[in-house]
Amino acid sequence: MVLRMRPKLRLRASSALVGGVSLALGLAAGLAPSTAAAAVTGSQGVEIEGPRDRRGFFIGPGLNFGAQFFSNTLVPAMRLDLNFGGGVTKNFTLGANINLGVYLANRQDRQVFFGGDIEGTGFVYKGFFLRGGIGGAGVPRGDGTSDVALGVGGLAGLGYEFWLNQSAALNLGLHYDIRYIPGSGLRHGGYIGLRFLWY
C-alpha cells in the first residue's frame, strides 16, 4: 500500500523538515566551541600554548617515575600526585603537592611511602617553567633494611606546560629530589612525570 500526500501537505512536510534541520544546525553551531575562543592570537598569529592565564584556583593529578639513590644503591619508585593551589599571577603559581608512591626494591618487598611539598612554579617563557618546593617525604632508611623513614628537604625541577583547551593543561617535568634523614644522611632522587591541571 502506497501513501500519497497532497501537494499542500507535501509542501508543509518539506518546510517542517527544512526548518527542523536548520534549527538543529543552529543549535549545534551555538553549542560547539568557537575556534577563535579556543585560541590566543599573538605576534606570530595563533599560538598553540593557549590562554596561559593561570590566575585563580587549580587542581589536578600527576604520575611520576624515578628512583632514589644512596650508598651506591638505586631503588626505583613510582608516585601518584595530587596538586592544588592558586595562580598568583599569569606566570607564577603557588600550591601543594601531596603524593603517595611505592618503592620497587623487589617483588617480595615493596614499600609504600607518602609525602608533600609546598611548591612555587614560575613560567619564564610561554610554557617553559622552573619549579622549587620544600617539605617532607618517605625515603629508604638505608640501614640494611627496606624500611622507609621521613626525610625533610625539597625539590627543584623544570619542564614545559601544554594547554589542551581553555582551562586544562598538561605539564611534562623533570625533578631532582633531595631529603635528609637525621642521623642517616641524604637521599637523592630523580623523577620524570606528567601533571594534568585544571585552572
N, C-alpha and C. Protein backbone atom coordinates (compact mmCIF):
# COMPACT_ATOMS: atom_id res chain seq x y z
N MET A 1 0.85 -1.20 0.00
CA MET A 1 0.00 0.00 0.00
C MET A 1 0.88 1.24 0.00
N VAL A 2 0.66 2.13 -0.92
CA VAL A 2 1.47 3.34 -1.04
C VAL A 2 0.65 4.53 -0.58
N LEU A 3 1.23 5.31 0.32
CA LEU A 3 0.55 6.52 0.80
C LEU A 3 0.95 7.68 -0.08
N ARG A 4 -0.02 8.40 -0.58
CA ARG A 4 0.25 9.58 -1.40
C ARG A 4 -0.19 10.83 -0.64
N MET A 5 0.70 11.81 -0.60
CA MET A 5 0.40 13.05 0.12
C MET A 5 -0.09 14.10 -0.86
N ARG A 6 -1.01 14.91 -0.42
CA ARG A 6 -1.49 16.04 -1.24
C ARG A 6 -0.35 17.05 -1.39
N PRO A 7 -0.36 17.81 -2.48
CA PRO A 7 0.72 18.79 -2.71
C PRO A 7 0.91 19.75 -1.54
N LYS A 8 -0.21 20.22 -0.93
CA LYS A 8 -0.09 21.17 0.19
C LYS A 8 0.55 20.50 1.39
N LEU A 9 0.12 19.24 1.66
CA LEU A 9 0.72 18.52 2.79
C LEU A 9 2.19 18.23 2.55
N ARG A 10 2.52 17.90 1.29
CA ARG A 10 3.91 17.62 0.95
C ARG A 10 4.77 18.87 1.14
N LEU A 11 4.24 20.05 0.76
CA LEU A 11 4.96 21.30 0.93
C LEU A 11 5.16 21.62 2.40
N ARG A 12 4.09 21.39 3.22
CA ARG A 12 4.22 21.64 4.66
C ARG A 12 5.25 20.70 5.30
N ALA A 13 5.24 19.44 4.89
CA ALA A 13 6.19 18.47 5.45
C ALA A 13 7.62 18.85 5.08
N SER A 14 7.82 19.28 3.83
CA SER A 14 9.15 19.69 3.38
C SER A 14 9.62 20.91 4.15
N SER A 15 8.70 21.86 4.36
CA SER A 15 9.05 23.08 5.11
C SER A 15 9.41 22.74 6.55
N ALA A 16 8.64 21.82 7.15
CA ALA A 16 8.92 21.41 8.54
C ALA A 16 10.26 20.71 8.64
N LEU A 17 10.58 19.87 7.64
CA LEU A 17 11.86 19.17 7.64
C LEU A 17 13.02 20.14 7.52
N VAL A 18 12.90 21.10 6.59
CA VAL A 18 13.95 22.10 6.41
C VAL A 18 14.11 22.94 7.66
N GLY A 19 12.97 23.32 8.26
CA GLY A 19 13.03 24.11 9.49
C GLY A 19 13.68 23.34 10.63
N GLY A 20 13.35 22.06 10.74
CA GLY A 20 13.94 21.23 11.80
C GLY A 20 15.43 21.07 11.63
N VAL A 21 15.86 20.82 10.39
CA VAL A 21 17.30 20.68 10.13
C VAL A 21 18.03 21.99 10.41
N SER A 22 17.42 23.11 9.99
CA SER A 22 18.04 24.42 10.24
C SER A 22 18.18 24.69 11.73
N LEU A 23 17.13 24.35 12.51
CA LEU A 23 17.17 24.55 13.95
C LEU A 23 18.24 23.69 14.59
N ALA A 24 18.33 22.43 14.17
CA ALA A 24 19.35 21.53 14.72
C ALA A 24 20.75 22.02 14.42
N LEU A 25 20.97 22.48 13.17
CA LEU A 25 22.29 23.01 12.81
C LEU A 25 22.61 24.28 13.58
N GLY A 26 21.60 25.11 13.79
CA GLY A 26 21.81 26.33 14.57
C GLY A 26 22.19 26.04 16.00
N LEU A 27 21.50 25.07 16.62
CA LEU A 27 21.83 24.69 17.99
C LEU A 27 23.22 24.10 18.09
N ALA A 28 23.56 23.25 17.12
CA ALA A 28 24.89 22.63 17.12
C ALA A 28 25.98 23.68 16.98
N ALA A 29 25.75 24.65 16.12
CA ALA A 29 26.74 25.72 15.94
C ALA A 29 26.86 26.57 17.18
N GLY A 30 25.72 26.78 17.86
CA GLY A 30 25.75 27.59 19.07
C GLY A 30 26.43 26.89 20.23
N LEU A 31 26.29 25.56 20.31
CA LEU A 31 26.88 24.81 21.42
C LEU A 31 28.33 24.43 21.16
N ALA A 32 28.76 24.36 19.90
CA ALA A 32 30.14 23.97 19.58
C ALA A 32 31.09 25.07 20.01
N PRO A 33 32.29 24.70 20.52
CA PRO A 33 33.26 25.72 20.93
C PRO A 33 33.78 26.50 19.74
N SER A 34 33.92 27.77 19.92
CA SER A 34 34.41 28.62 18.86
C SER A 34 35.91 28.47 18.70
N THR A 35 36.37 28.36 17.46
CA THR A 35 37.80 28.25 17.20
C THR A 35 38.52 29.49 17.68
N ALA A 36 37.91 30.63 17.47
CA ALA A 36 38.53 31.88 17.91
C ALA A 36 38.63 31.95 19.41
N ALA A 37 37.60 31.43 20.12
CA ALA A 37 37.61 31.49 21.58
C ALA A 37 38.61 30.52 22.17
N ALA A 38 38.94 29.43 21.44
CA ALA A 38 39.83 28.41 21.99
C ALA A 38 41.29 28.70 21.69
N ALA A 39 41.58 29.75 20.97
CA ALA A 39 42.95 30.06 20.61
C ALA A 39 43.31 31.46 21.09
N VAL A 40 44.58 31.72 21.11
CA VAL A 40 45.06 33.03 21.51
C VAL A 40 45.90 33.60 20.38
N THR A 41 45.64 34.83 20.02
CA THR A 41 46.38 35.46 18.95
C THR A 41 47.56 36.22 19.53
N GLY A 42 48.74 35.90 19.03
CA GLY A 42 49.95 36.57 19.48
C GLY A 42 50.66 37.24 18.32
N SER A 43 51.92 37.58 18.52
CA SER A 43 52.69 38.25 17.47
C SER A 43 52.92 37.36 16.26
N GLN A 44 52.88 36.06 16.47
CA GLN A 44 53.07 35.11 15.38
C GLN A 44 51.74 34.51 14.90
N GLY A 45 50.65 35.14 15.22
CA GLY A 45 49.34 34.60 14.86
C GLY A 45 48.80 33.76 16.00
N VAL A 46 48.08 32.69 15.68
CA VAL A 46 47.50 31.83 16.70
C VAL A 46 48.60 31.00 17.35
N GLU A 47 48.68 31.01 18.67
CA GLU A 47 49.73 30.31 19.40
C GLU A 47 49.18 29.03 20.02
N ILE A 48 49.90 27.93 19.87
CA ILE A 48 49.42 26.63 20.32
C ILE A 48 49.39 26.52 21.85
N GLU A 49 50.14 27.34 22.55
CA GLU A 49 50.22 27.21 24.00
C GLU A 49 48.91 27.53 24.71
N GLY A 50 48.01 28.23 24.04
CA GLY A 50 46.72 28.50 24.66
C GLY A 50 46.71 29.77 25.48
N PRO A 51 45.74 29.87 26.40
CA PRO A 51 45.49 31.12 27.10
C PRO A 51 46.66 31.60 27.97
N ARG A 52 47.32 30.68 28.69
CA ARG A 52 48.43 30.99 29.57
C ARG A 52 48.06 31.99 30.67
N ASP A 53 46.81 32.01 31.08
CA ASP A 53 46.40 32.82 32.23
C ASP A 53 46.13 31.87 33.38
N ARG A 54 47.05 31.82 34.33
CA ARG A 54 46.98 30.82 35.40
C ARG A 54 46.45 31.37 36.71
N ARG A 55 45.91 32.57 36.69
CA ARG A 55 45.36 33.15 37.91
C ARG A 55 44.14 32.37 38.37
N GLY A 56 43.97 32.26 39.68
CA GLY A 56 42.84 31.53 40.22
C GLY A 56 43.23 30.13 40.67
N PHE A 57 42.24 29.39 41.16
CA PHE A 57 42.47 28.06 41.72
C PHE A 57 42.79 27.04 40.63
N PHE A 58 43.69 26.09 40.95
CA PHE A 58 43.95 24.98 40.05
C PHE A 58 44.02 23.68 40.85
N ILE A 59 43.75 22.56 40.18
CA ILE A 59 43.82 21.24 40.80
C ILE A 59 44.06 20.20 39.71
N GLY A 60 44.72 19.09 40.08
CA GLY A 60 44.93 18.04 39.10
C GLY A 60 45.82 16.93 39.61
N PRO A 61 45.75 15.76 38.97
CA PRO A 61 46.57 14.61 39.36
C PRO A 61 47.89 14.57 38.59
N GLY A 62 48.81 13.74 39.09
CA GLY A 62 50.08 13.56 38.41
C GLY A 62 50.58 12.14 38.55
N LEU A 63 51.46 11.74 37.65
CA LEU A 63 52.07 10.41 37.67
C LEU A 63 53.56 10.57 37.40
N ASN A 64 54.39 9.98 38.30
CA ASN A 64 55.84 10.13 38.20
C ASN A 64 56.54 8.78 38.28
N PHE A 65 57.66 8.67 37.54
CA PHE A 65 58.53 7.50 37.61
C PHE A 65 59.95 7.99 37.89
N GLY A 66 60.67 7.26 38.75
CA GLY A 66 62.03 7.67 39.06
C GLY A 66 62.71 6.70 40.00
N ALA A 67 63.65 7.22 40.80
CA ALA A 67 64.40 6.37 41.71
C ALA A 67 65.05 7.22 42.79
N GLN A 68 65.37 6.58 43.93
CA GLN A 68 66.16 7.19 45.00
C GLN A 68 67.53 6.53 45.02
N PHE A 69 68.57 7.35 45.28
CA PHE A 69 69.94 6.85 45.30
C PHE A 69 70.55 7.06 46.68
N PHE A 70 71.25 6.06 47.20
CA PHE A 70 72.00 6.20 48.44
C PHE A 70 72.96 5.02 48.58
N SER A 71 74.13 5.29 49.12
CA SER A 71 75.14 4.25 49.41
C SER A 71 75.32 3.29 48.24
N ASN A 72 75.49 3.85 47.04
CA ASN A 72 75.68 3.03 45.83
C ASN A 72 74.51 2.11 45.55
N THR A 73 73.33 2.48 46.03
CA THR A 73 72.12 1.68 45.83
C THR A 73 71.08 2.53 45.10
N LEU A 74 70.39 1.93 44.16
CA LEU A 74 69.33 2.59 43.43
C LEU A 74 68.02 1.85 43.70
N VAL A 75 67.00 2.59 44.15
CA VAL A 75 65.69 1.99 44.43
C VAL A 75 64.65 2.65 43.52
N PRO A 76 64.16 1.93 42.50
CA PRO A 76 63.14 2.50 41.61
C PRO A 76 61.86 2.84 42.37
N ALA A 77 61.15 3.84 41.88
CA ALA A 77 59.93 4.28 42.55
C ALA A 77 58.90 4.75 41.54
N MET A 78 57.64 4.65 41.93
CA MET A 78 56.52 5.18 41.16
C MET A 78 55.65 5.97 42.13
N ARG A 79 55.12 7.11 41.68
CA ARG A 79 54.42 8.01 42.59
C ARG A 79 53.21 8.64 41.93
N LEU A 80 52.11 8.73 42.68
CA LEU A 80 50.91 9.44 42.26
C LEU A 80 50.82 10.74 43.04
N ASP A 81 50.46 11.82 42.36
CA ASP A 81 50.38 13.14 42.98
C ASP A 81 48.97 13.71 42.92
N LEU A 82 48.67 14.57 43.88
CA LEU A 82 47.52 15.45 43.81
C LEU A 82 48.04 16.86 43.99
N ASN A 83 47.83 17.71 42.99
CA ASN A 83 48.35 19.07 43.00
C ASN A 83 47.20 20.07 43.07
N PHE A 84 47.33 21.05 43.94
CA PHE A 84 46.31 22.10 44.02
C PHE A 84 46.93 23.37 44.57
N GLY A 85 46.32 24.49 44.24
CA GLY A 85 46.83 25.76 44.69
C GLY A 85 46.19 26.89 43.92
N GLY A 86 46.96 27.98 43.74
CA GLY A 86 46.41 29.14 43.06
C GLY A 86 47.46 29.86 42.25
N GLY A 87 47.00 30.54 41.20
CA GLY A 87 47.89 31.36 40.39
C GLY A 87 48.00 32.75 40.98
N VAL A 88 49.19 33.13 41.41
CA VAL A 88 49.42 34.47 41.97
C VAL A 88 49.38 35.50 40.85
N THR A 89 50.01 35.18 39.72
CA THR A 89 49.95 36.00 38.52
C THR A 89 49.69 35.06 37.34
N LYS A 90 49.72 35.60 36.14
CA LYS A 90 49.56 34.75 34.96
C LYS A 90 50.69 33.75 34.81
N ASN A 91 51.87 34.10 35.35
CA ASN A 91 53.06 33.28 35.13
C ASN A 91 53.71 32.76 36.40
N PHE A 92 53.01 32.83 37.53
CA PHE A 92 53.56 32.27 38.77
C PHE A 92 52.44 31.65 39.59
N THR A 93 52.64 30.38 39.99
CA THR A 93 51.65 29.67 40.81
C THR A 93 52.30 29.20 42.09
N LEU A 94 51.50 29.12 43.13
CA LEU A 94 51.93 28.62 44.43
C LEU A 94 50.92 27.58 44.88
N GLY A 95 51.40 26.40 45.25
CA GLY A 95 50.47 25.34 45.60
C GLY A 95 51.11 24.23 46.42
N ALA A 96 50.38 23.15 46.56
CA ALA A 96 50.82 21.99 47.33
C ALA A 96 50.77 20.75 46.46
N ASN A 97 51.71 19.85 46.71
CA ASN A 97 51.77 18.56 46.03
C ASN A 97 51.75 17.48 47.10
N ILE A 98 50.67 16.70 47.14
CA ILE A 98 50.56 15.57 48.07
C ILE A 98 50.74 14.30 47.25
N ASN A 99 51.63 13.42 47.71
CA ASN A 99 51.93 12.24 46.89
C ASN A 99 51.90 10.95 47.70
N LEU A 100 51.62 9.88 46.98
CA LEU A 100 51.61 8.52 47.52
C LEU A 100 52.29 7.63 46.50
N GLY A 101 53.26 6.82 46.94
CA GLY A 101 54.01 6.02 45.99
C GLY A 101 54.48 4.70 46.57
N VAL A 102 55.28 4.01 45.77
CA VAL A 102 55.81 2.72 46.19
C VAL A 102 57.23 2.58 45.67
N TYR A 103 58.13 2.07 46.55
CA TYR A 103 59.49 1.73 46.14
C TYR A 103 59.51 0.29 45.67
N LEU A 104 60.07 0.08 44.48
CA LEU A 104 60.04 -1.23 43.85
C LEU A 104 61.38 -1.94 44.01
N ALA A 105 61.80 -2.16 45.28
CA ALA A 105 63.08 -2.80 45.53
C ALA A 105 63.10 -4.21 44.94
N ASN A 106 62.07 -4.98 45.21
CA ASN A 106 61.90 -6.30 44.61
C ASN A 106 60.44 -6.69 44.74
N ARG A 107 60.06 -7.78 44.12
CA ARG A 107 58.65 -8.17 44.12
C ARG A 107 58.14 -8.56 45.49
N GLN A 108 59.02 -9.12 46.32
CA GLN A 108 58.58 -9.58 47.63
C GLN A 108 58.54 -8.45 48.67
N ASP A 109 59.28 -7.39 48.41
CA ASP A 109 59.41 -6.35 49.44
C ASP A 109 59.21 -4.97 48.81
N ARG A 110 57.97 -4.55 48.71
CA ARG A 110 57.65 -3.24 48.17
C ARG A 110 57.15 -2.34 49.28
N GLN A 111 57.77 -1.19 49.41
CA GLN A 111 57.46 -0.28 50.50
C GLN A 111 56.65 0.92 50.00
N VAL A 112 55.54 1.18 50.65
CA VAL A 112 54.70 2.34 50.32
C VAL A 112 55.23 3.57 51.05
N PHE A 113 55.19 4.71 50.40
CA PHE A 113 55.62 5.95 51.03
C PHE A 113 54.66 7.07 50.67
N PHE A 114 54.72 8.13 51.45
CA PHE A 114 53.90 9.30 51.18
C PHE A 114 54.70 10.55 51.49
N GLY A 115 54.20 11.70 51.04
CA GLY A 115 54.89 12.94 51.31
C GLY A 115 54.11 14.13 50.78
N GLY A 116 54.71 15.28 50.92
CA GLY A 116 54.07 16.50 50.45
C GLY A 116 55.03 17.67 50.44
N ASP A 117 54.84 18.57 49.50
CA ASP A 117 55.68 19.76 49.37
C ASP A 117 54.84 20.99 49.07
N ILE A 118 55.31 22.13 49.52
CA ILE A 118 54.79 23.41 49.08
C ILE A 118 55.64 23.84 47.89
N GLU A 119 55.00 24.11 46.75
CA GLU A 119 55.73 24.37 45.52
C GLU A 119 55.42 25.74 44.93
N GLY A 120 56.44 26.33 44.36
CA GLY A 120 56.29 27.55 43.57
C GLY A 120 56.75 27.27 42.15
N THR A 121 55.96 27.68 41.16
CA THR A 121 56.30 27.43 39.75
C THR A 121 56.27 28.74 38.99
N GLY A 122 57.38 29.06 38.35
CA GLY A 122 57.47 30.27 37.54
C GLY A 122 57.61 29.92 36.06
N PHE A 123 56.78 30.53 35.24
CA PHE A 123 56.81 30.29 33.79
C PHE A 123 57.62 31.42 33.16
N VAL A 124 58.81 31.06 32.70
CA VAL A 124 59.75 32.09 32.24
C VAL A 124 59.59 32.44 30.77
N TYR A 125 59.11 31.49 29.95
CA TYR A 125 58.87 31.79 28.54
C TYR A 125 57.79 30.86 28.02
N LYS A 126 56.62 31.42 27.71
CA LYS A 126 55.47 30.64 27.26
C LYS A 126 55.21 29.51 28.25
N GLY A 127 55.33 28.24 27.81
CA GLY A 127 55.04 27.13 28.72
C GLY A 127 56.23 26.61 29.50
N PHE A 128 57.45 27.12 29.22
CA PHE A 128 58.63 26.64 29.92
C PHE A 128 58.63 27.14 31.36
N PHE A 129 58.82 26.22 32.33
CA PHE A 129 58.75 26.60 33.73
C PHE A 129 59.94 26.08 34.54
N LEU A 130 60.19 26.78 35.65
CA LEU A 130 61.12 26.35 36.70
C LEU A 130 60.31 26.18 37.97
N ARG A 131 60.63 25.13 38.75
CA ARG A 131 59.83 24.81 39.94
C ARG A 131 60.73 24.52 41.13
N GLY A 132 60.32 24.97 42.30
CA GLY A 132 61.02 24.67 43.53
C GLY A 132 60.02 24.32 44.62
N GLY A 133 60.41 23.43 45.53
CA GLY A 133 59.50 23.03 46.59
C GLY A 133 60.23 22.66 47.86
N ILE A 134 59.51 22.67 48.98
CA ILE A 134 60.07 22.30 50.27
C ILE A 134 59.02 21.53 51.05
N GLY A 135 59.47 20.46 51.75
CA GLY A 135 58.52 19.65 52.50
C GLY A 135 59.15 18.36 53.00
N GLY A 136 58.34 17.33 53.14
CA GLY A 136 58.81 16.04 53.65
C GLY A 136 58.29 14.90 52.80
N ALA A 137 59.04 13.78 52.82
CA ALA A 137 58.63 12.63 52.02
C ALA A 137 59.26 11.36 52.59
N GLY A 138 58.61 10.23 52.34
CA GLY A 138 59.17 8.96 52.75
C GLY A 138 60.30 8.55 51.83
N VAL A 139 61.45 8.21 52.39
CA VAL A 139 62.62 7.77 51.62
C VAL A 139 63.20 6.51 52.26
N PRO A 140 63.97 5.71 51.51
CA PRO A 140 64.56 4.50 52.09
C PRO A 140 65.46 4.84 53.27
N ARG A 141 65.32 4.07 54.35
CA ARG A 141 66.10 4.33 55.56
C ARG A 141 67.59 4.09 55.32
N GLY A 142 67.92 3.02 54.61
CA GLY A 142 69.33 2.77 54.28
C GLY A 142 70.13 2.14 55.38
N ASP A 143 69.49 1.42 56.29
CA ASP A 143 70.21 0.77 57.39
C ASP A 143 70.31 -0.74 57.19
N GLY A 144 70.24 -1.16 55.94
CA GLY A 144 70.29 -2.59 55.66
C GLY A 144 68.93 -3.23 55.57
N THR A 145 67.88 -2.45 55.88
CA THR A 145 66.51 -2.95 55.75
C THR A 145 65.82 -2.20 54.62
N SER A 146 64.62 -2.61 54.32
CA SER A 146 63.85 -1.93 53.28
C SER A 146 62.85 -0.95 53.87
N ASP A 147 63.03 -0.58 55.14
CA ASP A 147 62.10 0.34 55.80
C ASP A 147 62.19 1.73 55.19
N VAL A 148 61.10 2.50 55.36
CA VAL A 148 61.02 3.86 54.87
C VAL A 148 60.98 4.81 56.06
N ALA A 149 61.74 5.90 55.96
CA ALA A 149 61.76 6.91 57.02
C ALA A 149 61.38 8.26 56.44
N LEU A 150 60.98 9.18 57.31
CA LEU A 150 60.62 10.52 56.87
C LEU A 150 61.87 11.34 56.63
N GLY A 151 62.01 11.87 55.42
CA GLY A 151 63.11 12.77 55.10
C GLY A 151 62.58 14.16 54.81
N VAL A 152 63.29 15.16 55.30
CA VAL A 152 62.88 16.55 55.06
C VAL A 152 63.83 17.17 54.05
N GLY A 153 63.29 18.05 53.23
CA GLY A 153 64.11 18.68 52.20
C GLY A 153 63.25 19.34 51.16
N GLY A 154 63.53 19.07 49.89
CA GLY A 154 62.77 19.72 48.85
C GLY A 154 63.09 19.19 47.48
N LEU A 155 62.70 19.96 46.47
CA LEU A 155 62.91 19.55 45.08
C LEU A 155 63.14 20.77 44.21
N ALA A 156 63.75 20.51 43.06
CA ALA A 156 63.93 21.53 42.03
C ALA A 156 63.64 20.86 40.69
N GLY A 157 63.01 21.60 39.80
CA GLY A 157 62.65 20.98 38.53
C GLY A 157 62.43 21.99 37.42
N LEU A 158 62.26 21.45 36.24
CA LEU A 158 61.95 22.26 35.06
C LEU A 158 61.09 21.42 34.13
N GLY A 159 60.44 22.10 33.20
CA GLY A 159 59.58 21.38 32.27
C GLY A 159 58.84 22.31 31.35
N TYR A 160 57.80 21.78 30.73
CA TYR A 160 57.00 22.57 29.79
C TYR A 160 55.53 22.24 29.98
N GLU A 161 54.70 23.26 29.87
CA GLU A 161 53.26 23.11 30.03
C GLU A 161 52.56 23.35 28.69
N PHE A 162 51.73 22.39 28.29
CA PHE A 162 50.95 22.48 27.05
C PHE A 162 49.48 22.66 27.41
N TRP A 163 48.84 23.66 26.83
CA TRP A 163 47.41 23.86 27.06
C TRP A 163 46.62 22.95 26.14
N LEU A 164 45.63 22.24 26.71
CA LEU A 164 44.79 21.33 25.94
C LEU A 164 43.51 22.00 25.47
N ASN A 165 42.97 22.92 26.28
CA ASN A 165 41.81 23.72 25.89
C ASN A 165 41.83 24.99 26.73
N GLN A 166 40.68 25.63 26.91
CA GLN A 166 40.65 26.92 27.61
C GLN A 166 41.02 26.82 29.08
N SER A 167 40.85 25.65 29.71
CA SER A 167 41.08 25.57 31.15
C SER A 167 41.97 24.41 31.59
N ALA A 168 42.32 23.49 30.71
CA ALA A 168 43.11 22.32 31.08
C ALA A 168 44.49 22.37 30.44
N ALA A 169 45.49 21.95 31.22
CA ALA A 169 46.87 21.96 30.72
C ALA A 169 47.58 20.68 31.13
N LEU A 170 48.63 20.34 30.38
CA LEU A 170 49.45 19.17 30.64
C LEU A 170 50.87 19.62 30.90
N ASN A 171 51.40 19.24 32.09
CA ASN A 171 52.78 19.52 32.46
C ASN A 171 53.65 18.30 32.20
N LEU A 172 54.78 18.49 31.54
CA LEU A 172 55.80 17.45 31.43
C LEU A 172 57.03 17.99 32.14
N GLY A 173 57.46 17.29 33.23
CA GLY A 173 58.53 17.84 34.04
C GLY A 173 59.58 16.83 34.46
N LEU A 174 60.76 17.36 34.78
CA LEU A 174 61.88 16.57 35.31
C LEU A 174 62.28 17.20 36.63
N HIS A 175 62.30 16.39 37.72
CA HIS A 175 62.55 16.93 39.05
C HIS A 175 63.69 16.20 39.76
N TYR A 176 64.50 16.98 40.47
CA TYR A 176 65.54 16.44 41.34
C TYR A 176 65.05 16.58 42.77
N ASP A 177 65.09 15.48 43.52
CA ASP A 177 64.53 15.42 44.87
C ASP A 177 65.66 15.13 45.86
N ILE A 178 65.77 15.91 46.94
CA ILE A 178 66.78 15.66 47.97
C ILE A 178 66.13 15.75 49.34
N ARG A 179 66.38 14.72 50.18
CA ARG A 179 65.81 14.66 51.52
C ARG A 179 66.90 14.26 52.52
N TYR A 180 66.75 14.76 53.74
CA TYR A 180 67.71 14.46 54.81
C TYR A 180 67.00 13.71 55.92
N ILE A 181 67.59 12.57 56.32
CA ILE A 181 67.11 11.80 57.47
C ILE A 181 68.08 12.04 58.62
N PRO A 182 67.65 12.65 59.72
CA PRO A 182 68.56 12.90 60.85
C PRO A 182 69.26 11.61 61.30
N GLY A 183 70.57 11.67 61.36
CA GLY A 183 71.36 10.53 61.79
C GLY A 183 71.63 9.51 60.71
N SER A 184 71.09 9.73 59.50
CA SER A 184 71.26 8.74 58.44
C SER A 184 71.74 9.35 57.12
N GLY A 185 71.71 10.65 56.99
CA GLY A 185 72.25 11.29 55.80
C GLY A 185 71.23 11.66 54.74
N LEU A 186 71.74 11.95 53.56
CA LEU A 186 70.93 12.46 52.46
C LEU A 186 70.45 11.34 51.54
N ARG A 187 69.29 11.58 50.94
CA ARG A 187 68.75 10.70 49.91
C ARG A 187 68.49 11.56 48.67
N HIS A 188 69.11 11.18 47.58
CA HIS A 188 68.94 11.90 46.32
C HIS A 188 68.03 11.11 45.41
N GLY A 189 67.20 11.81 44.66
CA GLY A 189 66.30 11.13 43.75
C GLY A 189 66.02 11.94 42.50
N GLY A 190 65.55 11.27 41.47
CA GLY A 190 65.16 11.92 40.24
C GLY A 190 63.84 11.36 39.75
N TYR A 191 62.97 12.24 39.24
CA TYR A 191 61.65 11.81 38.75
C TYR A 191 61.33 12.52 37.44
N ILE A 192 60.69 11.79 36.56
CA ILE A 192 60.10 12.38 35.37
C ILE A 192 58.61 12.10 35.42
N GLY A 193 57.79 13.10 35.12
CA GLY A 193 56.36 12.88 35.31
C GLY A 193 55.47 13.78 34.50
N LEU A 194 54.18 13.47 34.58
CA LEU A 194 53.13 14.22 33.92
C LEU A 194 52.16 14.75 34.96
N ARG A 195 51.65 15.94 34.72
CA ARG A 195 50.59 16.52 35.55
C ARG A 195 49.48 17.05 34.66
N PHE A 196 48.26 16.75 35.02
CA PHE A 196 47.10 17.34 34.35
C PHE A 196 46.51 18.36 35.30
N LEU A 197 46.39 19.59 34.87
CA LEU A 197 45.91 20.67 35.73
C LEU A 197 44.71 21.36 35.10
N TRP A 198 43.74 21.69 35.95
CA TRP A 198 42.58 22.47 35.53
C TRP A 198 42.64 23.81 36.25
N TYR A 199 42.67 24.89 35.47
CA TYR A 199 42.76 26.23 36.03
C TYR A 199 41.39 26.87 36.11
